Structure formats: structure tokens, C-alpha cells
N, C-alpha and C. Protein backbone atom coordinates (compact mmCIF):
# COMPACT_ATOMS: atom_id res chain seq x y z
N MET A 1 1.02 -1.13 -0.13
CA MET A 1 -0.06 0.11 0.01
C MET A 1 0.94 1.57 -0.13
N ALA A 2 0.49 1.82 -0.78
CA ALA A 2 1.25 3.35 -1.08
C ALA A 2 1.25 4.28 0.42
N TRP A 3 2.16 5.13 0.65
CA TRP A 3 2.10 6.08 1.62
C TRP A 3 0.75 6.66 1.14
N LYS A 4 0.38 7.44 0.63
CA LYS A 4 -0.86 8.42 0.01
C LYS A 4 -1.60 7.53 0.50
N GLU A 5 -2.11 6.65 0.20
CA GLU A 5 -3.14 5.31 0.65
C GLU A 5 -3.65 5.43 2.02
N PHE A 6 -2.63 5.15 2.63
CA PHE A 6 -2.13 5.33 3.92
C PHE A 6 -2.99 6.13 4.95
N LYS A 7 -2.02 6.89 4.54
CA LYS A 7 -2.76 8.45 4.94
C LYS A 7 -4.29 8.85 4.74
N ASN A 8 -4.46 8.27 3.90
CA ASN A 8 -6.06 9.20 3.61
C ASN A 8 -6.68 8.13 4.18
N LYS A 9 -6.28 6.46 4.16
CA LYS A 9 -7.24 5.81 4.96
C LYS A 9 -7.44 5.79 6.51
N PHE A 10 -6.03 6.41 7.34
CA PHE A 10 -5.92 7.05 8.46
C PHE A 10 -6.70 8.11 8.76
N LYS A 11 -6.54 8.89 7.92
CA LYS A 11 -7.46 9.95 8.28
C LYS A 11 -9.18 10.09 8.01
N ARG A 12 -9.32 9.07 6.98
CA ARG A 12 -10.68 8.42 6.94
C ARG A 12 -11.24 8.15 8.31
N LYS A 13 -10.65 7.24 8.56
CA LYS A 13 -10.54 6.21 10.25
C LYS A 13 -10.60 7.57 11.06
N LEU A 14 -9.89 8.20 11.62
CA LEU A 14 -9.82 9.07 12.50
C LEU A 14 -10.92 10.25 12.45
N SER A 15 -11.14 11.06 11.00
CA SER A 15 -12.61 11.55 11.03
C SER A 15 -13.70 10.66 11.47
N ASP A 16 -13.85 9.77 11.25
CA ASP A 16 -15.08 8.49 11.63
C ASP A 16 -14.58 8.59 13.38
N TYR A 17 -14.01 8.47 13.61
CA TYR A 17 -13.77 8.12 14.87
C TYR A 17 -14.11 9.42 16.02
N LEU A 18 -13.95 10.47 15.21
CA LEU A 18 -13.92 11.56 16.08
C LEU A 18 -14.79 12.62 15.95
N GLU A 19 -16.08 12.34 14.94
CA GLU A 19 -17.09 12.47 14.21
C GLU A 19 -17.13 14.08 13.65
N LEU A 20 -16.06 13.77 12.82
CA LEU A 20 -15.47 15.38 12.23
C LEU A 20 -15.78 15.70 10.71
N PRO A 21 -16.26 16.42 10.04
CA PRO A 21 -16.81 16.24 8.51
C PRO A 21 -15.11 16.53 7.76
N GLY A 22 -15.48 15.24 7.02
CA GLY A 22 -14.54 14.71 6.05
C GLY A 22 -13.72 15.94 5.28
N ASP A 23 -14.61 17.10 4.85
CA ASP A 23 -13.54 18.14 4.14
C ASP A 23 -13.10 18.95 4.88
N ILE A 24 -13.22 18.81 6.80
CA ILE A 24 -11.84 19.38 7.08
C ILE A 24 -10.69 18.31 7.07
N MET A 25 -10.98 17.60 7.75
CA MET A 25 -9.85 16.11 8.01
C MET A 25 -9.54 15.79 7.09
N LEU A 26 -10.03 15.50 5.37
CA LEU A 26 -9.73 15.07 4.26
C LEU A 26 -9.22 16.14 3.67
N ASP A 27 -9.27 17.30 3.82
CA ASP A 27 -9.10 18.41 3.07
C ASP A 27 -9.81 18.23 1.74
N LEU A 28 -11.24 17.60 1.32
CA LEU A 28 -11.87 17.44 0.21
C LEU A 28 -12.42 18.89 0.09
N PRO A 29 -12.77 19.19 -0.97
CA PRO A 29 -13.80 19.95 -1.45
C PRO A 29 -15.13 20.19 -1.16
N LYS A 30 -16.01 20.95 -0.38
CA LYS A 30 -17.19 21.09 -0.29
C LYS A 30 -17.84 22.21 -2.05
N ILE A 31 -18.85 21.03 -2.37
CA ILE A 31 -19.56 21.76 -3.64
C ILE A 31 -21.19 21.51 -2.81
N VAL A 32 -21.69 23.54 -3.07
CA VAL A 32 -22.51 23.45 -3.12
C VAL A 32 -23.57 24.00 -4.14
N LEU A 33 -24.27 23.30 -4.72
CA LEU A 33 -25.05 23.68 -6.20
C LEU A 33 -26.57 24.44 -5.96
N VAL A 34 -26.42 25.58 -6.63
CA VAL A 34 -27.96 26.17 -6.22
C VAL A 34 -28.04 26.49 -7.47
N GLY A 35 -29.56 25.21 -7.53
CA GLY A 35 -30.32 24.88 -9.20
C GLY A 35 -29.27 24.99 -10.21
N ASN A 36 -29.32 25.25 -11.10
CA ASN A 36 -28.14 25.57 -12.47
C ASN A 36 -27.63 26.73 -12.78
N LEU A 37 -28.03 28.15 -11.10
CA LEU A 37 -27.54 28.89 -11.48
C LEU A 37 -26.35 29.50 -10.64
N GLN A 38 -25.73 28.83 -9.28
CA GLN A 38 -24.47 29.24 -8.70
C GLN A 38 -24.29 28.04 -8.55
N VAL A 39 -22.68 27.50 -8.19
CA VAL A 39 -22.37 27.11 -7.48
C VAL A 39 -20.59 27.45 -6.74
N PHE A 40 -20.95 27.18 -5.34
CA PHE A 40 -19.86 27.48 -4.61
C PHE A 40 -18.95 26.30 -4.41
N ILE A 41 -17.82 26.56 -4.40
CA ILE A 41 -16.61 25.23 -4.15
C ILE A 41 -15.79 26.04 -2.66
N GLU A 42 -15.57 25.17 -2.03
CA GLU A 42 -14.55 25.77 -0.48
C GLU A 42 -13.29 24.53 -0.96
N ASN A 43 -12.78 24.96 -0.55
CA ASN A 43 -11.31 24.24 0.16
C ASN A 43 -10.51 24.07 -1.72
N HIS A 44 -10.55 25.38 -2.63
CA HIS A 44 -10.10 24.81 -3.73
C HIS A 44 -8.47 25.53 -3.76
N ARG A 45 -8.10 25.66 -4.90
CA ARG A 45 -6.52 25.47 -5.01
C ARG A 45 -5.99 26.57 -5.84
N GLY A 46 -7.13 27.03 -6.45
CA GLY A 46 -7.11 28.26 -7.82
C GLY A 46 -7.86 27.35 -8.86
N ILE A 47 -7.62 28.51 -9.94
CA ILE A 47 -8.15 28.24 -11.17
C ILE A 47 -7.39 27.91 -12.47
N GLN A 48 -7.66 26.98 -13.08
CA GLN A 48 -6.75 26.74 -14.00
C GLN A 48 -7.09 27.11 -15.48
N GLU A 49 -8.92 27.09 -15.52
CA GLU A 49 -9.36 27.91 -17.09
C GLU A 49 -10.24 28.85 -16.96
N TYR A 50 -10.75 29.44 -17.21
CA TYR A 50 -11.52 30.40 -16.96
C TYR A 50 -12.09 30.83 -18.67
N HIS A 51 -13.47 30.47 -19.17
CA HIS A 51 -13.86 31.47 -20.44
C HIS A 51 -15.91 31.33 -19.99
N ARG A 52 -16.31 31.96 -20.84
CA ARG A 52 -17.83 32.30 -20.62
C ARG A 52 -18.53 30.80 -20.16
N GLN A 53 -18.08 29.54 -21.23
CA GLN A 53 -18.86 28.61 -20.95
C GLN A 53 -18.05 27.31 -20.32
N LEU A 54 -16.58 27.74 -20.09
CA LEU A 54 -16.19 26.43 -19.23
C LEU A 54 -15.08 27.09 -17.99
N VAL A 55 -15.38 26.76 -16.87
CA VAL A 55 -14.58 26.94 -15.92
C VAL A 55 -13.70 25.44 -15.39
N ARG A 56 -12.59 25.68 -15.20
CA ARG A 56 -11.69 24.80 -14.19
C ARG A 56 -11.25 24.98 -13.09
N VAL A 57 -11.67 24.31 -11.88
CA VAL A 57 -11.07 24.92 -10.23
C VAL A 57 -10.22 23.15 -9.94
N VAL A 58 -9.13 23.85 -9.40
CA VAL A 58 -8.79 23.01 -9.09
C VAL A 58 -8.91 22.25 -7.34
N VAL A 59 -9.50 21.11 -7.40
CA VAL A 59 -9.59 21.07 -6.09
C VAL A 59 -8.52 19.57 -6.15
N ASN A 60 -7.30 19.36 -4.51
CA ASN A 60 -6.67 18.06 -4.01
C ASN A 60 -6.08 17.96 -5.51
N ASP A 61 -6.26 16.58 -5.79
CA ASP A 61 -5.29 16.23 -6.92
C ASP A 61 -6.38 15.98 -8.22
N LYS A 62 -7.55 16.99 -8.26
CA LYS A 62 -8.55 16.96 -9.04
C LYS A 62 -8.85 18.22 -9.96
N VAL A 63 -9.89 18.23 -10.68
CA VAL A 63 -10.29 19.45 -11.58
C VAL A 63 -11.62 19.41 -11.68
N ILE A 64 -11.93 20.20 -10.53
CA ILE A 64 -13.80 20.60 -11.46
C ILE A 64 -14.12 21.32 -12.57
N GLU A 65 -14.70 20.82 -13.31
CA GLU A 65 -15.06 21.26 -14.47
C GLU A 65 -16.21 21.51 -14.91
N ILE A 66 -16.67 22.81 -14.83
CA ILE A 66 -17.70 23.42 -14.90
C ILE A 66 -18.46 24.01 -16.37
N THR A 67 -19.13 23.53 -16.93
CA THR A 67 -19.99 24.35 -18.24
C THR A 67 -21.00 24.73 -18.57
N GLY A 68 -21.11 25.50 -19.37
CA GLY A 68 -22.25 25.71 -19.36
C GLY A 68 -22.59 27.36 -19.88
N GLU A 69 -23.29 28.57 -19.80
CA GLU A 69 -23.42 29.24 -20.47
C GLU A 69 -23.30 30.60 -19.53
N ASN A 70 -22.63 32.22 -20.23
CA ASN A 70 -22.19 33.20 -19.32
C ASN A 70 -22.04 32.88 -18.30
N LEU A 71 -21.14 32.12 -18.28
CA LEU A 71 -20.14 31.62 -16.75
C LEU A 71 -19.78 32.75 -16.16
N ALA A 72 -19.81 33.09 -15.00
CA ALA A 72 -18.46 34.62 -14.38
C ALA A 72 -18.29 33.95 -13.15
N LEU A 73 -16.92 34.83 -12.39
CA LEU A 73 -16.68 34.19 -11.49
C LEU A 73 -16.86 35.03 -10.31
N ARG A 74 -17.44 34.97 -9.01
CA ARG A 74 -18.04 35.81 -8.31
C ARG A 74 -17.20 35.39 -6.57
N ASN A 75 -17.49 35.87 -6.22
CA ASN A 75 -16.62 36.16 -4.62
C ASN A 75 -14.93 34.93 -4.07
N ILE A 76 -14.08 35.48 -5.27
CA ILE A 76 -13.04 35.04 -5.21
C ILE A 76 -11.95 34.60 -3.75
N LEU A 77 -12.59 33.96 -3.13
CA LEU A 77 -11.65 34.21 -1.59
C LEU A 77 -10.62 33.13 -1.66
N PRO A 78 -9.54 32.76 -0.96
CA PRO A 78 -8.40 32.09 -0.76
C PRO A 78 -9.40 30.91 -0.59
N ASP A 79 -9.85 30.40 0.37
CA ASP A 79 -11.21 28.82 0.38
C ASP A 79 -11.90 28.78 -0.47
N GLU A 80 -12.99 30.01 -0.88
CA GLU A 80 -14.00 29.70 -1.46
C GLU A 80 -14.03 30.37 -3.07
N ILE A 81 -14.88 30.04 -3.81
CA ILE A 81 -14.81 30.66 -4.83
C ILE A 81 -16.49 30.30 -5.35
N CYS A 82 -17.32 31.29 -6.21
CA CYS A 82 -18.69 31.09 -6.32
C CYS A 82 -18.08 31.19 -8.15
N VAL A 83 -19.24 30.59 -8.66
CA VAL A 83 -19.37 30.56 -10.39
C VAL A 83 -20.83 30.66 -10.70
N GLU A 84 -21.43 31.69 -11.62
CA GLU A 84 -22.58 31.89 -11.59
C GLU A 84 -22.90 32.04 -13.20
N GLY A 85 -23.89 31.35 -13.39
CA GLY A 85 -24.67 31.66 -14.66
C GLY A 85 -25.44 30.63 -14.96
N GLN A 86 -25.70 29.89 -16.23
CA GLN A 86 -26.50 29.39 -16.72
C GLN A 86 -25.59 27.64 -16.87
N ILE A 87 -25.88 26.64 -15.41
CA ILE A 87 -24.49 25.50 -15.18
C ILE A 87 -25.31 24.76 -16.54
N ALA A 88 -24.63 24.03 -17.06
CA ALA A 88 -24.92 22.92 -17.51
C ALA A 88 -24.49 21.36 -17.02
N SER A 89 -23.28 21.44 -16.72
CA SER A 89 -22.81 20.30 -15.95
C SER A 89 -21.51 20.74 -14.97
N LEU A 90 -20.98 19.85 -14.16
CA LEU A 90 -20.21 19.78 -12.99
C LEU A 90 -19.68 18.30 -13.08
N THR A 91 -18.14 18.18 -13.21
CA THR A 91 -17.92 17.17 -13.51
C THR A 91 -16.32 17.12 -13.11
N PHE A 92 -15.74 16.27 -12.33
CA PHE A 92 -14.51 15.93 -11.68
C PHE A 92 -13.56 15.29 -12.81
N ILE A 93 -12.49 15.43 -12.59
CA ILE A 93 -11.36 15.53 -14.02
C ILE A 93 -10.17 14.96 -13.02
N ASP A 94 -9.92 13.50 -13.37
CA ASP A 94 -8.42 13.55 -12.84
C ASP A 94 -7.28 13.95 -13.27
């Protein structure tokens, strides 16, 4: 078992045992989708790509790809970002 896998399993078990949210212990993104008009992403690592039809946000070792129309970035904070517009899809990319 690789060190990274062991570390993640340990953190997951510790999180379960202490009854702490996984997004805190495991540094996972928290995503809130409000209809198809807004998406809030916490624990992001930055914006990889931005166009009016595509936004890619880096989280941990993955990228969240948001597609749609008239997409705009709102509330860009160090740990949270909001994307607004007509959201068509939200996909995790390895």
C-alpha cells in the first residue's frame, strides 16, 4: 500500500472516530450547487481555466470542470469561489 493511500485511510478512520466532517480532516472540497445558477466550491487550490462557457477549478489532485453559458466568477476568496451563470454540467477530472 502506498504511503498516500495509507495516510488517506488513516485520516478517514480518524475523522469517523472523532465524528469530524471529511472536508476538514481530509481536505476535501465542499461543493454547493444552487439550482443551475450558482456553484460554491470551498477548499479550492485556484482556477486552472476560465471562459464564458467553461471554468476549471483545482481541488486537491483533481479538477472540477463547470460548463454552461454566461459563466462568471464571483466571490473569489482564498478558500472559496462562486461561479454563476447557466450551469449545464459539473464534472470531476483526474
